[in-house]
Amino acid sequence: GKLPRNETFIVGHQVPGTDVWDNFNPFMPGFNSVTGYINAVMELPFYMDDNTVIYPWLAKEWAYSDDGTSFTLTIVDNANWNDGSPLTIDDWLFTIDYYIKNADKIGAGVALSTTVESVKADGTDKLVFAFREPSYRFHMTFVNGFYILSKAVWEGQDPAEFKNPTASGPGPYKLVSTNPETRLVIWERRDDYWNKDQ
């Protein structure tokens, strides 16, 4: 039937490389990118457009120490997950640790594990990284491809096996249903989305 355009989410993509329609884990082999999960649910710290302009989203800004051996990332403090729970600095710390511990299964974990000596919270909106050696391009780790994970959902899960069945993420939609037979995934717009004025 006809749905009002402002209530409809249409996903356009190439033919899927897999027919798995109930896997919402972008790290898992066989992840199907046409389900709408990346578009409707996952969000990034920063986005970069085709002109290399960087836009803040889940993070606000970054700063390096003069000698390039430390890096401070300031995050937004009002984001929430699509189950309504707050996205906190603990989720960020968990995600960074998870990427490092699973560097053999998560590509972004390699850069973190080879660069980061330690990371700690400074209040509720700042992460302070200490590097093994000077680095002035570390901010690119958080541009176009670094997914924050919910500690409550992902803790104890293997990134090569966990399907993330609730499609957890901070984006403006939440999972209603998925049907592998019809290749249909239905997403519901969230009224409690943290950044709906953007």
N, C-alpha and C. Protein backbone atom coordinates (compact mmCIF):
# COMPACT_ATOMS: atom_id res chain seq x y z
N GLY A 1 0.82 -1.18 0.00
CA GLY A 1 0.00 0.00 0.00
C GLY A 1 0.86 1.25 0.00
N LYS A 2 0.21 2.39 -0.03
CA LYS A 2 0.93 3.65 -0.02
C LYS A 2 1.12 4.12 1.41
N LEU A 3 2.35 4.45 1.73
CA LEU A 3 2.68 4.97 3.05
C LEU A 3 3.12 6.41 2.90
N PRO A 4 2.80 7.26 3.90
CA PRO A 4 3.29 8.64 3.84
C PRO A 4 4.82 8.65 3.75
N ARG A 5 5.38 9.48 2.88
CA ARG A 5 6.82 9.51 2.66
C ARG A 5 7.59 9.79 3.94
N ASN A 6 7.05 10.64 4.82
CA ASN A 6 7.77 10.98 6.04
C ASN A 6 7.77 9.85 7.07
N GLU A 7 7.08 8.74 6.77
CA GLU A 7 7.07 7.59 7.67
C GLU A 7 7.69 6.36 7.01
N THR A 8 8.27 6.53 5.84
CA THR A 8 8.78 5.41 5.07
C THR A 8 10.30 5.48 4.96
N PHE A 9 10.94 4.34 5.19
CA PHE A 9 12.39 4.25 4.98
C PHE A 9 12.64 3.28 3.85
N ILE A 10 13.22 3.76 2.78
CA ILE A 10 13.50 2.93 1.61
C ILE A 10 15.00 2.73 1.51
N VAL A 11 15.42 1.47 1.45
CA VAL A 11 16.84 1.15 1.34
C VAL A 11 17.13 0.79 -0.11
N GLY A 12 18.09 1.51 -0.71
CA GLY A 12 18.53 1.17 -2.06
C GLY A 12 19.98 0.74 -2.02
N HIS A 13 20.29 -0.41 -2.65
CA HIS A 13 21.65 -0.93 -2.59
C HIS A 13 21.84 -1.92 -3.71
N GLN A 14 23.08 -2.40 -3.89
CA GLN A 14 23.33 -3.42 -4.89
C GLN A 14 22.76 -4.76 -4.45
N VAL A 15 22.77 -5.73 -5.36
CA VAL A 15 22.30 -7.07 -5.05
C VAL A 15 23.16 -7.63 -3.91
N PRO A 16 22.53 -8.20 -2.90
CA PRO A 16 23.31 -8.68 -1.75
C PRO A 16 24.26 -9.81 -2.12
N GLY A 17 25.37 -9.84 -1.42
CA GLY A 17 26.33 -10.92 -1.61
C GLY A 17 25.99 -12.13 -0.77
N THR A 18 24.98 -11.98 0.06
CA THR A 18 24.55 -13.07 0.94
C THR A 18 23.04 -12.99 1.12
N ASP A 19 22.45 -14.11 1.40
CA ASP A 19 21.00 -14.13 1.64
C ASP A 19 20.69 -14.26 3.13
N VAL A 20 21.56 -13.77 3.98
CA VAL A 20 21.34 -13.78 5.42
C VAL A 20 20.63 -12.48 5.78
N TRP A 21 19.40 -12.56 6.30
CA TRP A 21 18.59 -11.38 6.57
C TRP A 21 18.33 -11.16 8.05
N ASP A 22 18.96 -11.96 8.91
CA ASP A 22 18.74 -11.81 10.35
C ASP A 22 20.06 -11.61 11.10
N ASN A 23 21.07 -11.09 10.42
CA ASN A 23 22.37 -10.83 11.02
C ASN A 23 22.63 -9.33 10.98
N PHE A 24 22.72 -8.73 12.17
CA PHE A 24 22.96 -7.28 12.26
C PHE A 24 24.29 -7.02 12.96
N ASN A 25 25.30 -7.74 12.52
CA ASN A 25 26.66 -7.62 13.04
C ASN A 25 27.58 -7.33 11.85
N PRO A 26 28.02 -6.08 11.68
CA PRO A 26 28.83 -5.73 10.52
C PRO A 26 30.23 -6.34 10.52
N PHE A 27 30.64 -6.95 11.63
CA PHE A 27 31.97 -7.58 11.70
C PHE A 27 31.93 -9.05 11.28
N MET A 28 30.75 -9.62 11.25
CA MET A 28 30.61 -11.06 11.03
C MET A 28 30.68 -11.40 9.55
N PRO A 29 31.44 -12.44 9.21
CA PRO A 29 31.44 -12.89 7.82
C PRO A 29 30.02 -13.22 7.38
N GLY A 30 29.66 -12.79 6.19
CA GLY A 30 28.32 -13.03 5.68
C GLY A 30 27.33 -11.94 6.01
N PHE A 31 27.80 -10.85 6.64
CA PHE A 31 26.90 -9.74 6.94
C PHE A 31 26.29 -9.19 5.66
N ASN A 32 24.99 -9.00 5.65
CA ASN A 32 24.26 -8.52 4.48
C ASN A 32 24.03 -7.02 4.62
N SER A 33 24.69 -6.23 3.82
CA SER A 33 24.61 -4.77 3.96
C SER A 33 23.33 -4.16 3.42
N VAL A 34 22.46 -4.92 2.78
CA VAL A 34 21.24 -4.33 2.21
C VAL A 34 20.02 -4.43 3.13
N THR A 35 20.20 -4.87 4.35
CA THR A 35 19.07 -4.97 5.28
C THR A 35 18.61 -3.60 5.78
N GLY A 36 19.45 -2.58 5.61
CA GLY A 36 19.14 -1.26 6.12
C GLY A 36 19.77 -0.96 7.46
N TYR A 37 20.41 -1.97 8.06
CA TYR A 37 20.98 -1.79 9.39
C TYR A 37 22.01 -0.66 9.43
N ILE A 38 22.95 -0.65 8.51
CA ILE A 38 23.98 0.38 8.51
C ILE A 38 23.36 1.75 8.26
N ASN A 39 22.37 1.82 7.39
CA ASN A 39 21.74 3.09 7.05
C ASN A 39 20.79 3.60 8.12
N ALA A 40 20.03 2.72 8.75
CA ALA A 40 18.95 3.12 9.64
C ALA A 40 19.30 3.09 11.12
N VAL A 41 20.33 2.34 11.46
CA VAL A 41 20.57 2.09 12.88
C VAL A 41 21.97 2.50 13.35
N MET A 42 22.98 2.26 12.54
CA MET A 42 24.34 2.57 12.97
C MET A 42 24.70 4.01 12.66
N GLU A 43 25.44 4.61 13.56
CA GLU A 43 25.92 5.98 13.37
C GLU A 43 27.39 6.03 13.76
N LEU A 44 28.06 7.05 13.28
CA LEU A 44 29.51 7.16 13.46
C LEU A 44 29.88 8.38 14.28
N PRO A 45 31.08 8.38 14.84
CA PRO A 45 31.55 9.57 15.55
C PRO A 45 31.64 10.79 14.64
N PHE A 46 32.18 10.58 13.43
CA PHE A 46 32.31 11.65 12.43
C PHE A 46 32.01 11.08 11.05
N TYR A 47 31.48 11.92 10.20
CA TYR A 47 31.27 11.55 8.80
C TYR A 47 32.14 12.46 7.93
N MET A 48 32.64 11.91 6.83
CA MET A 48 33.40 12.71 5.89
C MET A 48 32.73 12.62 4.53
N ASP A 49 32.49 13.78 3.90
CA ASP A 49 31.84 13.78 2.59
C ASP A 49 32.87 13.62 1.47
N ASP A 50 32.39 13.64 0.24
CA ASP A 50 33.27 13.45 -0.92
C ASP A 50 34.30 14.55 -1.09
N ASN A 51 34.09 15.69 -0.45
CA ASN A 51 35.04 16.81 -0.52
C ASN A 51 35.98 16.82 0.68
N THR A 52 36.00 15.73 1.43
CA THR A 52 36.82 15.52 2.63
C THR A 52 36.49 16.48 3.77
N VAL A 53 35.28 17.01 3.77
CA VAL A 53 34.80 17.82 4.90
C VAL A 53 34.30 16.85 5.97
N ILE A 54 34.75 17.03 7.20
CA ILE A 54 34.37 16.14 8.29
C ILE A 54 33.28 16.79 9.14
N TYR A 55 32.22 16.01 9.42
CA TYR A 55 31.08 16.49 10.19
C TYR A 55 30.98 15.71 11.49
N PRO A 56 30.86 16.38 12.63
CA PRO A 56 30.71 15.67 13.91
C PRO A 56 29.32 15.05 14.04
N TRP A 57 29.25 13.91 14.72
CA TRP A 57 27.95 13.30 14.98
C TRP A 57 27.92 12.73 16.39
N LEU A 58 28.42 11.53 16.61
CA LEU A 58 28.46 10.98 17.96
C LEU A 58 29.62 11.55 18.77
N ALA A 59 30.53 12.19 18.10
CA ALA A 59 31.63 12.90 18.76
C ALA A 59 31.62 14.35 18.28
N LYS A 60 32.14 15.25 19.09
CA LYS A 60 32.10 16.68 18.77
C LYS A 60 33.41 17.18 18.17
N GLU A 61 34.53 16.76 18.77
CA GLU A 61 35.82 17.30 18.34
C GLU A 61 36.95 16.44 18.90
N TRP A 62 38.16 16.71 18.41
CA TRP A 62 39.35 16.04 18.91
C TRP A 62 40.46 17.06 19.07
N ALA A 63 41.46 16.68 19.87
CA ALA A 63 42.65 17.52 20.05
C ALA A 63 43.84 16.63 20.35
N TYR A 64 44.98 16.99 19.78
CA TYR A 64 46.24 16.28 20.03
C TYR A 64 47.09 17.09 21.00
N SER A 65 47.92 16.39 21.77
CA SER A 65 48.94 17.09 22.54
C SER A 65 49.98 17.62 21.56
N ASP A 66 50.75 18.61 21.97
CA ASP A 66 51.76 19.20 21.09
C ASP A 66 52.75 18.17 20.54
N ASP A 67 53.08 17.19 21.36
CA ASP A 67 54.07 16.20 20.92
C ASP A 67 53.45 14.99 20.22
N GLY A 68 52.11 14.99 20.06
CA GLY A 68 51.45 13.91 19.33
C GLY A 68 51.37 12.59 20.05
N THR A 69 51.63 12.59 21.35
CA THR A 69 51.60 11.32 22.09
C THR A 69 50.30 11.10 22.85
N SER A 70 49.41 12.07 22.80
CA SER A 70 48.09 11.87 23.40
C SER A 70 47.02 12.57 22.56
N PHE A 71 45.80 12.13 22.76
CA PHE A 71 44.68 12.54 21.92
C PHE A 71 43.45 12.57 22.79
N THR A 72 42.68 13.65 22.72
CA THR A 72 41.44 13.76 23.49
C THR A 72 40.27 13.84 22.52
N LEU A 73 39.32 12.95 22.71
CA LEU A 73 38.11 12.90 21.89
C LEU A 73 36.94 13.33 22.76
N THR A 74 36.23 14.37 22.32
CA THR A 74 35.05 14.83 23.05
C THR A 74 33.82 14.26 22.37
N ILE A 75 32.98 13.58 23.15
CA ILE A 75 31.80 12.91 22.61
C ILE A 75 30.53 13.65 23.01
N VAL A 76 29.45 13.39 22.30
CA VAL A 76 28.16 13.97 22.69
C VAL A 76 27.69 13.24 23.95
N ASP A 77 26.96 13.93 24.78
CA ASP A 77 26.52 13.31 26.03
C ASP A 77 25.01 13.09 26.08
N ASN A 78 24.34 13.23 24.93
CA ASN A 78 22.89 13.07 24.92
C ASN A 78 22.40 11.96 23.99
N ALA A 79 23.33 11.16 23.43
CA ALA A 79 22.92 10.09 22.52
C ALA A 79 22.30 8.94 23.30
N ASN A 80 21.47 8.17 22.59
CA ASN A 80 20.89 6.98 23.21
C ASN A 80 20.81 5.85 22.19
N TRP A 81 20.65 4.64 22.73
CA TRP A 81 20.51 3.45 21.90
C TRP A 81 19.07 3.32 21.43
N ASN A 82 18.85 2.50 20.42
CA ASN A 82 17.48 2.37 19.91
C ASN A 82 16.56 1.57 20.82
N ASP A 83 17.04 1.13 21.97
CA ASP A 83 16.15 0.57 22.99
C ASP A 83 15.80 1.64 24.03
N GLY A 84 16.29 2.87 23.83
CA GLY A 84 15.99 3.99 24.71
C GLY A 84 17.02 4.22 25.80
N SER A 85 17.93 3.29 26.03
CA SER A 85 18.93 3.47 27.08
C SER A 85 20.01 4.44 26.61
N PRO A 86 20.65 5.15 27.56
CA PRO A 86 21.66 6.14 27.17
C PRO A 86 22.93 5.50 26.60
N LEU A 87 23.52 6.17 25.63
CA LEU A 87 24.83 5.79 25.10
C LEU A 87 25.84 6.59 25.91
N THR A 88 26.64 5.90 26.71
CA THR A 88 27.51 6.59 27.67
C THR A 88 28.99 6.41 27.33
N ILE A 89 29.81 7.10 28.07
CA ILE A 89 31.25 6.97 27.91
C ILE A 89 31.71 5.54 28.21
N ASP A 90 30.95 4.82 29.05
CA ASP A 90 31.29 3.42 29.32
C ASP A 90 31.13 2.56 28.06
N ASP A 91 30.14 2.90 27.22
CA ASP A 91 29.98 2.19 25.95
C ASP A 91 31.17 2.45 25.04
N TRP A 92 31.64 3.69 25.02
CA TRP A 92 32.82 4.04 24.22
C TRP A 92 34.04 3.27 24.71
N LEU A 93 34.28 3.28 26.02
CA LEU A 93 35.44 2.57 26.58
C LEU A 93 35.34 1.07 26.28
N PHE A 94 34.15 0.53 26.45
CA PHE A 94 33.93 -0.89 26.14
C PHE A 94 34.24 -1.16 24.67
N THR A 95 33.74 -0.31 23.77
CA THR A 95 33.93 -0.51 22.33
C THR A 95 35.41 -0.52 21.97
N ILE A 96 36.15 0.45 22.49
CA ILE A 96 37.58 0.52 22.17
C ILE A 96 38.30 -0.73 22.68
N ASP A 97 38.00 -1.13 23.88
CA ASP A 97 38.60 -2.35 24.44
C ASP A 97 38.19 -3.58 23.62
N TYR A 98 36.94 -3.64 23.21
CA TYR A 98 36.42 -4.77 22.42
C TYR A 98 37.14 -4.85 21.07
N TYR A 99 37.30 -3.71 20.42
CA TYR A 99 38.02 -3.68 19.14
C TYR A 99 39.46 -4.17 19.32
N ILE A 100 40.13 -3.70 20.36
CA ILE A 100 41.53 -4.08 20.60
C ILE A 100 41.63 -5.58 20.90
N LYS A 101 40.77 -6.07 21.79
CA LYS A 101 40.81 -7.50 22.15
C LYS A 101 40.45 -8.41 20.98
N ASN A 102 39.68 -7.88 20.03
CA ASN A 102 39.26 -8.68 18.88
C ASN A 102 39.86 -8.16 17.58
N ALA A 103 41.08 -7.64 17.66
CA ALA A 103 41.73 -7.05 16.48
C ALA A 103 41.89 -8.05 15.34
N ASP A 104 41.94 -9.34 15.66
CA ASP A 104 42.05 -10.35 14.61
C ASP A 104 40.73 -10.56 13.86
N LYS A 105 39.63 -9.99 14.40
CA LYS A 105 38.31 -10.17 13.78
C LYS A 105 37.66 -8.85 13.36
N ILE A 106 38.20 -7.72 13.86
CA ILE A 106 37.65 -6.40 13.56
C ILE A 106 38.78 -5.54 13.00
N GLY A 107 38.66 -5.13 11.76
CA GLY A 107 39.73 -4.39 11.09
C GLY A 107 40.19 -3.15 11.85
N ALA A 108 39.26 -2.36 12.36
CA ALA A 108 39.64 -1.13 13.07
C ALA A 108 40.39 -1.43 14.36
N GLY A 109 40.26 -2.63 14.86
CA GLY A 109 40.98 -3.01 16.07
C GLY A 109 42.48 -3.05 15.89
N VAL A 110 42.92 -3.31 14.66
CA VAL A 110 44.35 -3.38 14.39
C VAL A 110 45.01 -2.03 14.65
N ALA A 111 44.44 -0.96 14.09
CA ALA A 111 45.00 0.38 14.29
C ALA A 111 44.99 0.76 15.76
N LEU A 112 43.93 0.43 16.47
CA LEU A 112 43.86 0.73 17.89
C LEU A 112 44.92 -0.05 18.67
N SER A 113 45.03 -1.34 18.39
CA SER A 113 45.94 -2.17 19.18
C SER A 113 47.40 -1.82 18.94
N THR A 114 47.74 -1.31 17.76
CA THR A 114 49.13 -0.97 17.49
C THR A 114 49.48 0.46 17.90
N THR A 115 48.47 1.31 18.08
CA THR A 115 48.72 2.72 18.39
C THR A 115 48.49 3.07 19.85
N VAL A 116 47.43 2.53 20.44
CA VAL A 116 46.98 2.96 21.76
C VAL A 116 47.69 2.22 22.89
N GLU A 117 48.30 2.99 23.76
CA GLU A 117 48.90 2.44 24.98
C GLU A 117 47.84 2.30 26.06
N SER A 118 46.99 3.35 26.18
CA SER A 118 45.91 3.33 27.17
C SER A 118 44.85 4.34 26.77
N VAL A 119 43.65 4.17 27.33
CA VAL A 119 42.57 5.14 27.14
C VAL A 119 41.80 5.21 28.45
N LYS A 120 41.40 6.44 28.81
CA LYS A 120 40.63 6.60 30.05
C LYS A 120 39.60 7.70 29.84
N ALA A 121 38.60 7.68 30.69
CA ALA A 121 37.56 8.71 30.65
C ALA A 121 38.02 9.92 31.46
N ASP A 122 37.66 11.09 30.95
CA ASP A 122 37.86 12.34 31.68
C ASP A 122 36.48 12.97 31.78
N GLY A 123 35.79 12.70 32.87
CA GLY A 123 34.40 13.13 33.01
C GLY A 123 33.49 12.22 32.20
N THR A 124 32.34 12.75 31.77
CA THR A 124 31.36 11.94 31.04
C THR A 124 31.40 12.17 29.53
N ASP A 125 32.28 13.09 29.08
CA ASP A 125 32.26 13.39 27.65
C ASP A 125 33.63 13.46 26.98
N LYS A 126 34.66 12.99 27.66
CA LYS A 126 36.00 13.04 27.06
C LYS A 126 36.72 11.71 27.25
N LEU A 127 37.37 11.26 26.17
CA LEU A 127 38.24 10.10 26.20
C LEU A 127 39.65 10.58 25.95
N VAL A 128 40.58 10.17 26.79
CA VAL A 128 41.98 10.58 26.65
C VAL A 128 42.81 9.34 26.31
N PHE A 129 43.42 9.38 25.14
CA PHE A 129 44.24 8.28 24.64
C PHE A 129 45.71 8.61 24.83
N ALA A 130 46.48 7.65 25.28
CA ALA A 130 47.95 7.76 25.29
C ALA A 130 48.45 6.82 24.21
N PHE A 131 49.39 7.30 23.38
CA PHE A 131 49.91 6.52 22.26
C PHE A 131 51.25 5.88 22.59
N ARG A 132 51.56 4.82 21.89
CA ARG A 132 52.86 4.15 22.00
C ARG A 132 53.96 5.01 21.40
N GLU A 133 53.60 5.78 20.37
CA GLU A 133 54.53 6.72 19.73
C GLU A 133 53.70 7.83 19.11
N PRO A 134 54.28 8.96 18.76
CA PRO A 134 53.49 10.08 18.22
C PRO A 134 52.65 9.68 17.01
N SER A 135 51.42 10.21 16.98
CA SER A 135 50.50 9.95 15.88
C SER A 135 49.63 11.19 15.70
N TYR A 136 49.61 11.71 14.49
CA TYR A 136 48.79 12.90 14.22
C TYR A 136 47.64 12.62 13.26
N ARG A 137 47.43 11.35 12.93
CA ARG A 137 46.31 10.99 12.05
C ARG A 137 45.34 10.04 12.75
N PHE A 138 45.47 9.89 14.03
CA PHE A 138 44.63 8.94 14.77
C PHE A 138 43.15 9.29 14.68
N HIS A 139 42.82 10.56 14.52
CA HIS A 139 41.42 10.96 14.44
C HIS A 139 40.69 10.25 13.30
N MET A 140 41.43 9.87 12.26
CA MET A 140 40.79 9.19 11.12
C MET A 140 40.23 7.82 11.50
N THR A 141 40.66 7.28 12.63
CA THR A 141 40.09 6.02 13.14
C THR A 141 38.59 6.17 13.36
N PHE A 142 38.16 7.38 13.71
CA PHE A 142 36.76 7.61 14.08
C PHE A 142 35.92 8.23 12.96
N VAL A 143 36.48 8.27 11.75
CA VAL A 143 35.77 8.86 10.61
C VAL A 143 35.34 7.75 9.66
N ASN A 144 34.05 7.73 9.32
CA ASN A 144 33.50 6.81 8.31
C ASN A 144 33.85 5.34 8.52
N GLY A 145 33.50 4.79 9.68
CA GLY A 145 33.70 3.36 9.82
C GLY A 145 33.96 2.83 11.20
N PHE A 146 33.79 3.63 12.23
CA PHE A 146 34.00 3.18 13.59
C PHE A 146 32.66 3.13 14.31
N TYR A 147 32.15 1.92 14.53
CA TYR A 147 30.83 1.76 15.14
C TYR A 147 30.94 1.61 16.65
N ILE A 148 30.19 2.43 17.37
CA ILE A 148 30.13 2.31 18.83
C ILE A 148 29.17 1.17 19.16
N LEU A 149 29.53 0.36 20.13
CA LEU A 149 28.74 -0.81 20.51
C LEU A 149 28.17 -0.64 21.91
N SER A 150 26.97 -1.14 22.09
CA SER A 150 26.34 -1.13 23.41
C SER A 150 26.99 -2.20 24.28
N LYS A 151 27.55 -1.78 25.39
CA LYS A 151 28.18 -2.74 26.31
C LYS A 151 27.16 -3.76 26.79
N ALA A 152 25.93 -3.31 27.05
CA ALA A 152 24.88 -4.21 27.55
C ALA A 152 24.55 -5.30 26.54
N VAL A 153 24.69 -5.02 25.27
CA VAL A 153 24.35 -5.98 24.21
C VAL A 153 25.55 -6.83 23.80
N TRP A 154 26.72 -6.21 23.65
CA TRP A 154 27.87 -6.88 23.05
C TRP A 154 28.84 -7.53 24.03
N GLU A 155 28.77 -7.19 25.30
CA GLU A 155 29.74 -7.75 26.26
C GLU A 155 29.66 -9.27 26.28
N GLY A 156 30.82 -9.92 26.16
CA GLY A 156 30.89 -11.38 26.19
C GLY A 156 30.57 -12.05 24.87
N GLN A 157 30.31 -11.26 23.82
CA GLN A 157 29.95 -11.83 22.52
C GLN A 157 31.16 -11.91 21.59
N ASP A 158 31.18 -12.94 20.77
CA ASP A 158 32.24 -13.13 19.78
C ASP A 158 31.83 -12.39 18.50
N PRO A 159 32.65 -11.43 18.02
CA PRO A 159 32.26 -10.67 16.83
C PRO A 159 32.17 -11.51 15.56
N ALA A 160 32.70 -12.72 15.59
CA ALA A 160 32.61 -13.59 14.42
C ALA A 160 31.39 -14.51 14.47
N GLU A 161 30.64 -14.46 15.58
CA GLU A 161 29.49 -15.36 15.72
C GLU A 161 28.20 -14.67 16.14
N PHE A 162 28.29 -13.58 16.88
CA PHE A 162 27.10 -12.90 17.42
C PHE A 162 26.33 -12.20 16.31
N LYS A 163 25.02 -12.44 16.20
CA LYS A 163 24.21 -11.84 15.14
C LYS A 163 23.55 -10.52 15.52
N ASN A 164 23.70 -10.07 16.77
CA ASN A 164 23.07 -8.83 17.23
C ASN A 164 21.58 -8.86 16.87
N PRO A 165 20.82 -9.82 17.43
CA PRO A 165 19.44 -10.07 16.99
C PRO A 165 18.46 -8.91 17.20
N THR A 166 18.77 -8.00 18.13
CA THR A 166 17.87 -6.86 18.34
C THR A 166 18.25 -5.68 17.46
N ALA A 167 19.32 -5.82 16.66
CA ALA A 167 19.81 -4.75 15.78
C ALA A 167 20.10 -3.48 16.59
N SER A 168 20.84 -3.65 17.67
CA SER A 168 21.19 -2.54 18.55
C SER A 168 22.02 -1.49 17.81
N GLY A 169 21.72 -0.22 18.07
CA GLY A 169 22.47 0.89 17.51
C GLY A 169 21.85 2.21 17.94
N PRO A 170 22.54 3.33 17.69
CA PRO A 170 22.05 4.64 18.13
C PRO A 170 21.24 5.40 17.08
N GLY A 171 20.96 4.80 15.96
CA GLY A 171 20.29 5.51 14.87
C GLY A 171 18.81 5.73 15.08
N PRO A 172 18.15 6.38 14.11
CA PRO A 172 16.76 6.80 14.26
C PRO A 172 15.71 5.71 14.06
N TYR A 173 16.12 4.47 13.82
CA TYR A 173 15.16 3.39 13.60
C TYR A 173 15.48 2.21 14.50
N LYS A 174 14.44 1.39 14.75
CA LYS A 174 14.61 0.15 15.48
C LYS A 174 13.94 -0.98 14.71
N LEU A 175 14.42 -2.18 14.92
CA LEU A 175 13.94 -3.35 14.20
C LEU A 175 12.53 -3.73 14.62
N VAL A 176 11.67 -3.96 13.62
CA VAL A 176 10.33 -4.49 13.88
C VAL A 176 10.32 -5.98 13.57
N SER A 177 10.77 -6.33 12.36
CA SER A 177 10.79 -7.74 11.96
C SER A 177 11.70 -7.94 10.76
N THR A 178 12.07 -9.19 10.57
CA THR A 178 12.86 -9.56 9.40
C THR A 178 12.32 -10.88 8.85
N ASN A 179 12.28 -10.99 7.54
CA ASN A 179 11.74 -12.19 6.90
C ASN A 179 12.69 -12.62 5.79
N PRO A 180 13.47 -13.68 6.03
CA PRO A 180 14.41 -14.13 5.02
C PRO A 180 13.74 -14.63 3.73
N GLU A 181 12.52 -15.16 3.85
CA GLU A 181 11.84 -15.69 2.67
C GLU A 181 11.47 -14.57 1.69
N THR A 182 11.01 -13.46 2.21
CA THR A 182 10.63 -12.35 1.34
C THR A 182 11.73 -11.31 1.20
N ARG A 183 12.85 -11.53 1.91
CA ARG A 183 13.98 -10.58 1.91
C ARG A 183 13.51 -9.19 2.33
N LEU A 184 12.73 -9.17 3.39
CA LEU A 184 12.14 -7.93 3.86
C LEU A 184 12.52 -7.68 5.32
N VAL A 185 13.00 -6.47 5.58
CA VAL A 185 13.29 -6.04 6.95
C VAL A 185 12.50 -4.76 7.18
N ILE A 186 11.74 -4.74 8.27
CA ILE A 186 10.91 -3.57 8.58
C ILE A 186 11.52 -2.83 9.76
N TRP A 187 11.72 -1.53 9.57
CA TRP A 187 12.29 -0.65 10.58
C TRP A 187 11.25 0.38 11.00
N GLU A 188 11.14 0.62 12.30
CA GLU A 188 10.21 1.62 12.83
C GLU A 188 10.96 2.86 13.27
N ARG A 189 10.47 4.03 12.87
CA ARG A 189 11.10 5.28 13.27
C ARG A 189 10.94 5.48 14.78
N ARG A 190 12.00 5.92 15.41
CA ARG A 190 11.99 6.13 16.86
C ARG A 190 11.57 7.56 17.19
N ASP A 191 10.63 7.68 18.12
CA ASP A 191 10.25 9.02 18.60
C ASP A 191 11.26 9.56 19.60
N ASP A 192 12.05 8.65 20.19
CA ASP A 192 13.02 9.08 21.21
C ASP A 192 14.43 9.22 20.65
N TYR A 193 14.55 9.31 19.33
CA TYR A 193 15.88 9.44 18.72
C TYR A 193 16.58 10.68 19.24
N TRP A 194 17.84 10.56 19.58
CA TRP A 194 18.57 11.61 20.28
C TRP A 194 18.87 12.84 19.44
N ASN A 195 18.90 12.72 18.12
CA ASN A 195 19.34 13.84 17.29
C ASN A 195 18.35 14.16 16.17
N LYS A 196 17.05 14.08 16.49
CA LYS A 196 16.03 14.21 15.44
C LYS A 196 15.90 15.61 14.87
N ASP A 197 16.51 16.62 15.47
CA ASP A 197 16.43 17.97 14.92
C ASP A 197 17.46 18.20 13.82
N GLN A 198 18.36 17.25 13.59
CA GLN A 198 19.39 17.40 12.56
C GLN A 198 18.94 16.83 11.23
